[in-house]
Amino acid sequence: AVSAFGLVIVIWLWAFPFPRRLPDVATVLLSMLVITILAL
């Protein structure tokens, strides 16, 4: 789960270095998805 979360953050940092609403929201949602999959 930490590796998958790391991928989400790495993509966010490299692809979107400047604030953008849609990628930022997508990153939060993907992080929540990782946590959900972790619990399951």
ModelCIF file with pLDDT and N, C-alpha, C, O atoms, coordinates in Angstrom:
data_MODEL
#
_entry.id   MODEL 
#
_entity.id                         1 
_entity.type                       polymer 
_entity.pdbx_number_of_molecules   1 
#
_entity_poly.entity_id                      1 
_entity_poly.type                           'polypeptide(L)' 
_entity_poly.nstd_linkage                   no 
_entity_poly.nstd_monomer                   no 
_entity_poly.pdbx_seq_one_letter_code       AVSAFGLVIVIWLWAFPFPRRLPDVATVLLSMLVITILAL 
_entity_poly.pdbx_seq_one_letter_code_can   AVSAFGLVIVIWLWAFPFPRRLPDVATVLLSMLVITILAL 
_entity_poly.pdbx_strand_id                 A 
#
loop_
_entity_poly_seq.entity_id 
_entity_poly_seq.num 
_entity_poly_seq.mon_id 
_entity_poly_seq.hetero 
1 1  ALA n 
1 2  VAL n 
1 3  SER n 
1 4  ALA n 
1 5  PHE n 
1 6  GLY n 
1 7  LEU n 
1 8  VAL n 
1 9  ILE n 
1 10 VAL n 
1 11 ILE n 
1 12 TRP n 
1 13 LEU n 
1 14 TRP n 
1 15 ALA n 
1 16 PHE n 
1 17 PRO n 
1 18 PHE n 
1 19 PRO n 
1 20 ARG n 
1 21 ARG n 
1 22 LEU n 
1 23 PRO n 
1 24 ASP n 
1 25 VAL n 
1 26 ALA n 
1 27 THR n 
1 28 VAL n 
1 29 LEU n 
1 30 LEU n 
1 31 SER n 
1 32 MET n 
1 33 LEU n 
1 34 VAL n 
1 35 ILE n 
1 36 THR n 
1 37 ILE n 
1 38 LEU n 
1 39 ALA n 
1 40 LEU n 
#
_struct_asym.id          A 
_struct_asym.entity_id   1 
#
loop_
_ma_qa_metric.id 
_ma_qa_metric.mode 
_ma_qa_metric.name 
_ma_qa_metric.software_group_id 
_ma_qa_metric.type 
1 global pLDDT . pLDDT 
2 local  pLDDT . pLDDT 
#
_ma_qa_metric_global.metric_id      1 
_ma_qa_metric_global.metric_value   94.67 
_ma_qa_metric_global.model_id       1 
_ma_qa_metric_global.ordinal_id     1 
#
loop_
_ma_qa_metric_local.label_asym_id 
_ma_qa_metric_local.label_comp_id 
_ma_qa_metric_local.label_seq_id 
_ma_qa_metric_local.metric_id 
_ma_qa_metric_local.metric_value 
_ma_qa_metric_local.model_id 
_ma_qa_metric_local.ordinal_id 
A ALA 1  2 96.00 1 1  
A VAL 2  2 97.00 1 2  
A SER 3  2 97.00 1 3  
A ALA 4  2 97.00 1 4  
A PHE 5  2 97.00 1 5  
A GLY 6  2 97.00 1 6  
A LEU 7  2 97.00 1 7  
A VAL 8  2 97.00 1 8  
A ILE 9  2 97.00 1 9  
A VAL 10 2 97.00 1 10 
A ILE 11 2 97.00 1 11 
A TRP 12 2 96.00 1 12 
A LEU 13 2 95.00 1 13 
A TRP 14 2 95.00 1 14 
A ALA 15 2 95.00 1 15 
A PHE 16 2 93.00 1 16 
A PRO 17 2 89.00 1 17 
A PHE 18 2 88.00 1 18 
A PRO 19 2 87.00 1 19 
A ARG 20 2 90.00 1 20 
A ARG 21 2 92.00 1 21 
A LEU 22 2 94.00 1 22 
A PRO 23 2 93.00 1 23 
A ASP 24 2 95.00 1 24 
A VAL 25 2 96.00 1 25 
A ALA 26 2 96.00 1 26 
A THR 27 2 96.00 1 27 
A VAL 28 2 96.00 1 28 
A LEU 29 2 97.00 1 29 
A LEU 30 2 96.00 1 30 
A SER 31 2 96.00 1 31 
A MET 32 2 96.00 1 32 
A LEU 33 2 96.00 1 33 
A VAL 34 2 97.00 1 34 
A ILE 35 2 95.00 1 35 
A THR 36 2 95.00 1 36 
A ILE 37 2 94.00 1 37 
A LEU 38 2 93.00 1 38 
A ALA 39 2 90.00 1 39 
A LEU 40 2 90.00 1 40 
#
loop_
_atom_site.group_PDB 
_atom_site.id 
_atom_site.type_symbol 
_atom_site.label_atom_id 
_atom_site.label_alt_id 
_atom_site.label_comp_id 
_atom_site.label_asym_id 
_atom_site.label_entity_id 
_atom_site.label_seq_id 
_atom_site.pdbx_PDB_ins_code 
_atom_site.Cartn_x 
_atom_site.Cartn_y 
_atom_site.Cartn_z 
_atom_site.occupancy 
_atom_site.B_iso_or_equiv 
_atom_site.pdbx_formal_charge 
_atom_site.auth_seq_id 
_atom_site.auth_comp_id 
_atom_site.auth_asym_id 
_atom_site.auth_atom_id 
_atom_site.pdbx_PDB_model_num 
ATOM 1   N N  . ALA A 1 1  ? 0.826  -1.208 0.000   1.00 96.00 ? 1  ALA A N  1 
ATOM 2   C CA . ALA A 1 1  ? 0.000  0.000  0.000   1.00 96.00 ? 1  ALA A CA 1 
ATOM 3   C C  . ALA A 1 1  ? 0.863  1.263  0.000   1.00 96.00 ? 1  ALA A C  1 
ATOM 4   O O  . ALA A 1 1  ? 0.553  2.227  -0.701  1.00 96.00 ? 1  ALA A O  1 
ATOM 5   N N  . VAL A 1 2  ? 1.938  1.261  0.779   1.00 97.00 ? 2  VAL A N  1 
ATOM 6   C CA . VAL A 1 2  ? 2.834  2.417  0.817   1.00 97.00 ? 2  VAL A CA 1 
ATOM 7   C C  . VAL A 1 2  ? 3.512  2.604  -0.543  1.00 97.00 ? 2  VAL A C  1 
ATOM 8   O O  . VAL A 1 2  ? 3.719  3.735  -0.983  1.00 97.00 ? 2  VAL A O  1 
ATOM 9   N N  . SER A 1 3  ? 3.858  1.501  -1.207  1.00 97.00 ? 3  SER A N  1 
ATOM 10  C CA . SER A 1 3  ? 4.453  1.601  -2.542  1.00 97.00 ? 3  SER A CA 1 
ATOM 11  C C  . SER A 1 3  ? 3.464  2.177  -3.548  1.00 97.00 ? 3  SER A C  1 
ATOM 12  O O  . SER A 1 3  ? 3.831  3.016  -4.371  1.00 97.00 ? 3  SER A O  1 
ATOM 13  N N  . ALA A 1 4  ? 2.201  1.726  -3.485  1.00 97.00 ? 4  ALA A N  1 
ATOM 14  C CA . ALA A 1 4  ? 1.177  2.249  -4.388  1.00 97.00 ? 4  ALA A CA 1 
ATOM 15  C C  . ALA A 1 4  ? 0.903  3.725  -4.102  1.00 97.00 ? 4  ALA A C  1 
ATOM 16  O O  . ALA A 1 4  ? 0.771  4.530  -5.025  1.00 97.00 ? 4  ALA A O  1 
ATOM 17  N N  . PHE A 1 5  ? 0.818  4.073  -2.815  1.00 97.00 ? 5  PHE A N  1 
ATOM 18  C CA . PHE A 1 5  ? 0.635  5.475  -2.434  1.00 97.00 ? 5  PHE A CA 1 
ATOM 19  C C  . PHE A 1 5  ? 1.817  6.312  -2.927  1.00 97.00 ? 5  PHE A C  1 
ATOM 20  O O  . PHE A 1 5  ? 1.642  7.438  -3.393  1.00 97.00 ? 5  PHE A O  1 
ATOM 21  N N  . GLY A 1 6  ? 3.021  5.745  -2.815  1.00 97.00 ? 6  GLY A N  1 
ATOM 22  C CA . GLY A 1 6  ? 4.197  6.451  -3.320  1.00 97.00 ? 6  GLY A CA 1 
ATOM 23  C C  . GLY A 1 6  ? 4.112  6.714  -4.808  1.00 97.00 ? 6  GLY A C  1 
ATOM 24  O O  . GLY A 1 6  ? 4.515  7.780  -5.273  1.00 97.00 ? 6  GLY A O  1 
ATOM 25  N N  . LEU A 1 7  ? 3.592  5.752  -5.565  1.00 97.00 ? 7  LEU A N  1 
ATOM 26  C CA . LEU A 1 7  ? 3.407  5.963  -7.005  1.00 97.00 ? 7  LEU A CA 1 
ATOM 27  C C  . LEU A 1 7  ? 2.457  7.120  -7.275  1.00 97.00 ? 7  LEU A C  1 
ATOM 28  O O  . LEU A 1 7  ? 2.715  7.948  -8.149  1.00 97.00 ? 7  LEU A O  1 
ATOM 29  N N  . VAL A 1 8  ? 1.358  7.180  -6.529  1.00 97.00 ? 8  VAL A N  1 
ATOM 30  C CA . VAL A 1 8  ? 0.389  8.265  -6.704  1.00 97.00 ? 8  VAL A CA 1 
ATOM 31  C C  . VAL A 1 8  ? 1.058  9.616  -6.467  1.00 97.00 ? 8  VAL A C  1 
ATOM 32  O O  . VAL A 1 8  ? 0.883  10.542 -7.259  1.00 97.00 ? 8  VAL A O  1 
ATOM 33  N N  . ILE A 1 9  ? 1.818  9.734  -5.388  1.00 97.00 ? 9  ILE A N  1 
ATOM 34  C CA . ILE A 1 9  ? 2.460  11.003 -5.060  1.00 97.00 ? 9  ILE A CA 1 
ATOM 35  C C  . ILE A 1 9  ? 3.577  11.334 -6.051  1.00 97.00 ? 9  ILE A C  1 
ATOM 36  O O  . ILE A 1 9  ? 3.736  12.492 -6.440  1.00 97.00 ? 9  ILE A O  1 
ATOM 37  N N  . VAL A 1 10 ? 4.343  10.336 -6.457  1.00 97.00 ? 10 VAL A N  1 
ATOM 38  C CA . VAL A 1 10 ? 5.425  10.573 -7.431  1.00 97.00 ? 10 VAL A CA 1 
ATOM 39  C C  . VAL A 1 10 ? 4.858  11.090 -8.755  1.00 97.00 ? 10 VAL A C  1 
ATOM 40  O O  . VAL A 1 10 ? 5.404  12.020 -9.347  1.00 97.00 ? 10 VAL A O  1 
ATOM 41  N N  . ILE A 1 11 ? 3.772  10.489 -9.210  1.00 97.00 ? 11 ILE A N  1 
ATOM 42  C CA . ILE A 1 11 ? 3.135  10.958 -10.442 1.00 97.00 ? 11 ILE A CA 1 
ATOM 43  C C  . ILE A 1 11 ? 2.654  12.392 -10.267 1.00 97.00 ? 11 ILE A C  1 
ATOM 44  O O  . ILE A 1 11 ? 2.850  13.225 -11.152 1.00 97.00 ? 11 ILE A O  1 
ATOM 45  N N  . TRP A 1 12 ? 2.032  12.683 -9.142  1.00 96.00 ? 12 TRP A N  1 
ATOM 46  C CA . TRP A 1 12 ? 1.514  14.027 -8.858  1.00 96.00 ? 12 TRP A CA 1 
ATOM 47  C C  . TRP A 1 12 ? 2.641  15.058 -8.867  1.00 96.00 ? 12 TRP A C  1 
ATOM 48  O O  . TRP A 1 12 ? 2.496  16.143 -9.430  1.00 96.00 ? 12 TRP A O  1 
ATOM 49  N N  . LEU A 1 13 ? 3.765  14.709 -8.238  1.00 95.00 ? 13 LEU A N  1 
ATOM 50  C CA . LEU A 1 13 ? 4.880  15.653 -8.157  1.00 95.00 ? 13 LEU A CA 1 
ATOM 51  C C  . LEU A 1 13 ? 5.528  15.894 -9.513  1.00 95.00 ? 13 LEU A C  1 
ATOM 52  O O  . LEU A 1 13 ? 5.820  17.036 -9.869  1.00 95.00 ? 13 LEU A O  1 
ATOM 53  N N  . TRP A 1 14 ? 5.754  14.821 -10.270 1.00 95.00 ? 14 TRP A N  1 
ATOM 54  C CA . TRP A 1 14 ? 6.459  14.985 -11.541 1.00 95.00 ? 14 TRP A CA 1 
ATOM 55  C C  . TRP A 1 14 ? 5.566  15.561 -12.636 1.00 95.00 ? 14 TRP A C  1 
ATOM 56  O O  . TRP A 1 14 ? 6.006  16.415 -13.405 1.00 95.00 ? 14 TRP A O  1 
ATOM 57  N N  . ALA A 1 15 ? 4.327  15.106 -12.713 1.00 95.00 ? 15 ALA A N  1 
ATOM 58  C CA . ALA A 1 15 ? 3.469  15.515 -13.832 1.00 95.00 ? 15 ALA A CA 1 
ATOM 59  C C  . ALA A 1 15 ? 2.805  16.868 -13.612 1.00 95.00 ? 15 ALA A C  1 
ATOM 60  O O  . ALA A 1 15 ? 2.505  17.577 -14.573 1.00 95.00 ? 15 ALA A O  1 
ATOM 61  N N  . PHE A 1 16 ? 2.575  17.229 -12.352 1.00 93.00 ? 16 PHE A N  1 
ATOM 62  C CA . PHE A 1 16 ? 1.839  18.465 -12.068 1.00 93.00 ? 16 PHE A CA 1 
ATOM 63  C C  . PHE A 1 16 ? 2.594  19.289 -11.027 1.00 93.00 ? 16 PHE A C  1 
ATOM 64  O O  . PHE A 1 16 ? 2.174  19.358 -9.872  1.00 93.00 ? 16 PHE A O  1 
ATOM 65  N N  . PRO A 1 17 ? 3.700  19.912 -11.422 1.00 89.00 ? 17 PRO A N  1 
ATOM 66  C CA . PRO A 1 17 ? 4.504  20.661 -10.449 1.00 89.00 ? 17 PRO A CA 1 
ATOM 67  C C  . PRO A 1 17 ? 3.833  21.937 -9.951  1.00 89.00 ? 17 PRO A C  1 
ATOM 68  O O  . PRO A 1 17 ? 4.257  22.506 -8.946  1.00 89.00 ? 17 PRO A O  1 
ATOM 69  N N  . PHE A 1 18 ? 2.803  22.385 -10.637 1.00 88.00 ? 18 PHE A N  1 
ATOM 70  C CA . PHE A 1 18 ? 2.121  23.614 -10.257 1.00 88.00 ? 18 PHE A CA 1 
ATOM 71  C C  . PHE A 1 18 ? 0.655  23.324 -9.963  1.00 88.00 ? 18 PHE A C  1 
ATOM 72  O O  . PHE A 1 18 ? 0.076  22.413 -10.553 1.00 88.00 ? 18 PHE A O  1 
ATOM 73  N N  . PRO A 1 19 ? 0.048  24.089 -9.058  1.00 87.00 ? 19 PRO A N  1 
ATOM 74  C CA . PRO A 1 19 ? -1.325 23.791 -8.623  1.00 87.00 ? 19 PRO A CA 1 
ATOM 75  C C  . PRO A 1 19 ? -2.319 23.700 -9.779  1.00 87.00 ? 19 PRO A C  1 
ATOM 76  O O  . PRO A 1 19 ? -2.407 24.592 -10.623 1.00 87.00 ? 19 PRO A O  1 
ATOM 77  N N  . ARG A 1 20 ? -3.058 22.599 -9.788  1.00 90.00 ? 20 ARG A N  1 
ATOM 78  C CA . ARG A 1 20 ? -4.144 22.387 -10.748 1.00 90.00 ? 20 ARG A CA 1 
ATOM 79  C C  . ARG A 1 20 ? -5.241 21.611 -10.050 1.00 90.00 ? 20 ARG A C  1 
ATOM 80  O O  . ARG A 1 20 ? -4.981 20.562 -9.461  1.00 90.00 ? 20 ARG A O  1 
ATOM 81  N N  . ARG A 1 21 ? -6.438 22.104 -10.107 1.00 92.00 ? 21 ARG A N  1 
ATOM 82  C CA . ARG A 1 21 ? -7.521 21.570 -9.289  1.00 92.00 ? 21 ARG A CA 1 
ATOM 83  C C  . ARG A 1 21 ? -7.847 20.112 -9.613  1.00 92.00 ? 21 ARG A C  1 
ATOM 84  O O  . ARG A 1 21 ? -7.904 19.286 -8.702  1.00 92.00 ? 21 ARG A O  1 
ATOM 85  N N  . LEU A 1 22 ? -8.059 19.779 -10.873 1.00 94.00 ? 22 LEU A N  1 
ATOM 86  C CA . LEU A 1 22 ? -8.480 18.432 -11.235 1.00 94.00 ? 22 LEU A CA 1 
ATOM 87  C C  . LEU A 1 22 ? -7.435 17.381 -10.858 1.00 94.00 ? 22 LEU A C  1 
ATOM 88  O O  . LEU A 1 22 ? -7.801 16.389 -10.226 1.00 94.00 ? 22 LEU A O  1 
ATOM 89  N N  . PRO A 1 23 ? -6.155 17.542 -11.209 1.00 93.00 ? 23 PRO A N  1 
ATOM 90  C CA . PRO A 1 23 ? -5.159 16.543 -10.778 1.00 93.00 ? 23 PRO A CA 1 
ATOM 91  C C  . PRO A 1 23 ? -5.037 16.448 -9.261  1.00 93.00 ? 23 PRO A C  1 
ATOM 92  O O  . PRO A 1 23 ? -4.803 15.365 -8.725  1.00 93.00 ? 23 PRO A O  1 
ATOM 93  N N  . ASP A 1 24 ? -5.194 17.570 -8.569  1.00 95.00 ? 24 ASP A N  1 
ATOM 94  C CA . ASP A 1 24 ? -5.090 17.549 -7.112  1.00 95.00 ? 24 ASP A CA 1 
ATOM 95  C C  . ASP A 1 24 ? -6.224 16.730 -6.500  1.00 95.00 ? 24 ASP A C  1 
ATOM 96  O O  . ASP A 1 24 ? -5.999 15.924 -5.597  1.00 95.00 ? 24 ASP A O  1 
ATOM 97  N N  . VAL A 1 25 ? -7.441 16.942 -6.996  1.00 96.00 ? 25 VAL A N  1 
ATOM 98  C CA . VAL A 1 25 ? -8.585 16.173 -6.502  1.00 96.00 ? 25 VAL A CA 1 
ATOM 99  C C  . VAL A 1 25 ? -8.416 14.691 -6.836  1.00 96.00 ? 25 VAL A C  1 
ATOM 100 O O  . VAL A 1 25 ? -8.698 13.833 -5.999  1.00 96.00 ? 25 VAL A O  1 
ATOM 101 N N  . ALA A 1 26 ? -7.957 14.385 -8.054  1.00 96.00 ? 26 ALA A N  1 
ATOM 102 C CA . ALA A 1 26 ? -7.751 12.996 -8.453  1.00 96.00 ? 26 ALA A CA 1 
ATOM 103 C C  . ALA A 1 26 ? -6.711 12.313 -7.563  1.00 96.00 ? 26 ALA A C  1 
ATOM 104 O O  . ALA A 1 26 ? -6.850 11.135 -7.233  1.00 96.00 ? 26 ALA A O  1 
ATOM 105 N N  . THR A 1 27 ? -5.674 13.052 -7.178  1.00 96.00 ? 27 THR A N  1 
ATOM 106 C CA . THR A 1 27 ? -4.640 12.497 -6.303  1.00 96.00 ? 27 THR A CA 1 
ATOM 107 C C  . THR A 1 27 ? -5.207 12.151 -4.930  1.00 96.00 ? 27 THR A C  1 
ATOM 108 O O  . THR A 1 27 ? -4.891 11.102 -4.369  1.00 96.00 ? 27 THR A O  1 
ATOM 109 N N  . VAL A 1 28 ? -6.040 13.030 -4.395  1.00 96.00 ? 28 VAL A N  1 
ATOM 110 C CA . VAL A 1 28 ? -6.674 12.760 -3.100  1.00 96.00 ? 28 VAL A CA 1 
ATOM 111 C C  . VAL A 1 28 ? -7.566 11.517 -3.196  1.00 96.00 ? 28 VAL A C  1 
ATOM 112 O O  . VAL A 1 28 ? -7.534 10.660 -2.313  1.00 96.00 ? 28 VAL A O  1 
ATOM 113 N N  . LEU A 1 29 ? -8.356 11.422 -4.262  1.00 97.00 ? 29 LEU A N  1 
ATOM 114 C CA . LEU A 1 29 ? -9.257 10.282 -4.430  1.00 97.00 ? 29 LEU A CA 1 
ATOM 115 C C  . LEU A 1 29 ? -8.484 8.977  -4.593  1.00 97.00 ? 29 LEU A C  1 
ATOM 116 O O  . LEU A 1 29 ? -8.876 7.951  -4.035  1.00 97.00 ? 29 LEU A O  1 
ATOM 117 N N  . LEU A 1 30 ? -7.393 9.008  -5.350  1.00 96.00 ? 30 LEU A N  1 
ATOM 118 C CA . LEU A 1 30 ? -6.579 7.805  -5.511  1.00 96.00 ? 30 LEU A CA 1 
ATOM 119 C C  . LEU A 1 30 ? -5.933 7.395  -4.194  1.00 96.00 ? 30 LEU A C  1 
ATOM 120 O O  . LEU A 1 30 ? -5.826 6.203  -3.902  1.00 96.00 ? 30 LEU A O  1 
ATOM 121 N N  . SER A 1 31 ? -5.502 8.366  -3.396  1.00 96.00 ? 31 SER A N  1 
ATOM 122 C CA . SER A 1 31 ? -4.922 8.059  -2.088  1.00 96.00 ? 31 SER A CA 1 
ATOM 123 C C  . SER A 1 31 ? -5.952 7.397  -1.189  1.00 96.00 ? 31 SER A C  1 
ATOM 124 O O  . SER A 1 31 ? -5.635 6.452  -0.467  1.00 96.00 ? 31 SER A O  1 
ATOM 125 N N  . MET A 1 32 ? -7.187 7.889  -1.230  1.00 96.00 ? 32 MET A N  1 
ATOM 126 C CA . MET A 1 32 ? -8.260 7.275  -0.451  1.00 96.00 ? 32 MET A CA 1 
ATOM 127 C C  . MET A 1 32 ? -8.563 5.864  -0.951  1.00 96.00 ? 32 MET A C  1 
ATOM 128 O O  . MET A 1 32 ? -8.885 4.974  -0.163  1.00 96.00 ? 32 MET A O  1 
ATOM 129 N N  . LEU A 1 33 ? -8.457 5.665  -2.275  1.00 96.00 ? 33 LEU A N  1 
ATOM 130 C CA . LEU A 1 33 ? -8.667 4.327  -2.836  1.00 96.00 ? 33 LEU A CA 1 
ATOM 131 C C  . LEU A 1 33 ? -7.603 3.357  -2.329  1.00 96.00 ? 33 LEU A C  1 
ATOM 132 O O  . LEU A 1 33 ? -7.917 2.210  -2.010  1.00 96.00 ? 33 LEU A O  1 
ATOM 133 N N  . VAL A 1 34 ? -6.356 3.800  -2.252  1.00 97.00 ? 34 VAL A N  1 
ATOM 134 C CA . VAL A 1 34 ? -5.279 2.951  -1.737  1.00 97.00 ? 34 VAL A CA 1 
ATOM 135 C C  . VAL A 1 34 ? -5.570 2.538  -0.300  1.00 97.00 ? 34 VAL A C  1 
ATOM 136 O O  . VAL A 1 34 ? -5.379 1.378  0.065   1.00 97.00 ? 34 VAL A O  1 
ATOM 137 N N  . ILE A 1 35 ? -6.033 3.488  0.520   1.00 95.00 ? 35 ILE A N  1 
ATOM 138 C CA . ILE A 1 35 ? -6.353 3.174  1.917   1.00 95.00 ? 35 ILE A CA 1 
ATOM 139 C C  . ILE A 1 35 ? -7.490 2.163  1.997   1.00 95.00 ? 35 ILE A C  1 
ATOM 140 O O  . ILE A 1 35 ? -7.461 1.248  2.820   1.00 95.00 ? 35 ILE A O  1 
ATOM 141 N N  . THR A 1 36 ? -8.494 2.334  1.136   1.00 95.00 ? 36 THR A N  1 
ATOM 142 C CA . THR A 1 36 ? -9.624 1.401  1.121   1.00 95.00 ? 36 THR A CA 1 
ATOM 143 C C  . THR A 1 36 ? -9.178 -0.001 0.726   1.00 95.00 ? 36 THR A C  1 
ATOM 144 O O  . THR A 1 36 ? -9.573 -0.982 1.356   1.00 95.00 ? 36 THR A O  1 
ATOM 145 N N  . ILE A 1 37 ? -8.354 -0.097 -0.317  1.00 94.00 ? 37 ILE A N  1 
ATOM 146 C CA . ILE A 1 37 ? -7.849 -1.407 -0.754  1.00 94.00 ? 37 ILE A CA 1 
ATOM 147 C C  . ILE A 1 37 ? -6.980 -2.030 0.333   1.00 94.00 ? 37 ILE A C  1 
ATOM 148 O O  . ILE A 1 37 ? -6.998 -3.246 0.524   1.00 94.00 ? 37 ILE A O  1 
ATOM 149 N N  . LEU A 1 38 ? -6.220 -1.200 1.044   1.00 93.00 ? 38 LEU A N  1 
ATOM 150 C CA . LEU A 1 38 ? -5.392 -1.693 2.144   1.00 93.00 ? 38 LEU A CA 1 
ATOM 151 C C  . LEU A 1 38 ? -6.259 -2.358 3.214   1.00 93.00 ? 38 LEU A C  1 
ATOM 152 O O  . LEU A 1 38 ? -5.953 -3.462 3.665   1.00 93.00 ? 38 LEU A O  1 
ATOM 153 N N  . ALA A 1 39 ? -7.341 -1.687 3.618   1.00 90.00 ? 39 ALA A N  1 
ATOM 154 C CA . ALA A 1 39 ? -8.218 -2.248 4.652   1.00 90.00 ? 39 ALA A CA 1 
ATOM 155 C C  . ALA A 1 39 ? -8.838 -3.566 4.190   1.00 90.00 ? 39 ALA A C  1 
ATOM 156 O O  . ALA A 1 39 ? -8.904 -4.527 4.957   1.00 90.00 ? 39 ALA A O  1 
ATOM 157 N N  . LEU A 1 40 ? -9.288 -3.610 2.947   1.00 90.00 ? 40 LEU A N  1 
ATOM 158 C CA . LEU A 1 40 ? -9.877 -4.837 2.413   1.00 90.00 ? 40 LEU A CA 1 
ATOM 159 C C  . LEU A 1 40 ? -8.837 -5.949 2.325   1.00 90.00 ? 40 LEU A C  1 
ATOM 160 O O  . LEU A 1 40 ? -9.154 -7.059 1.897   1.00 90.00 ? 40 LEU A O  1 
#
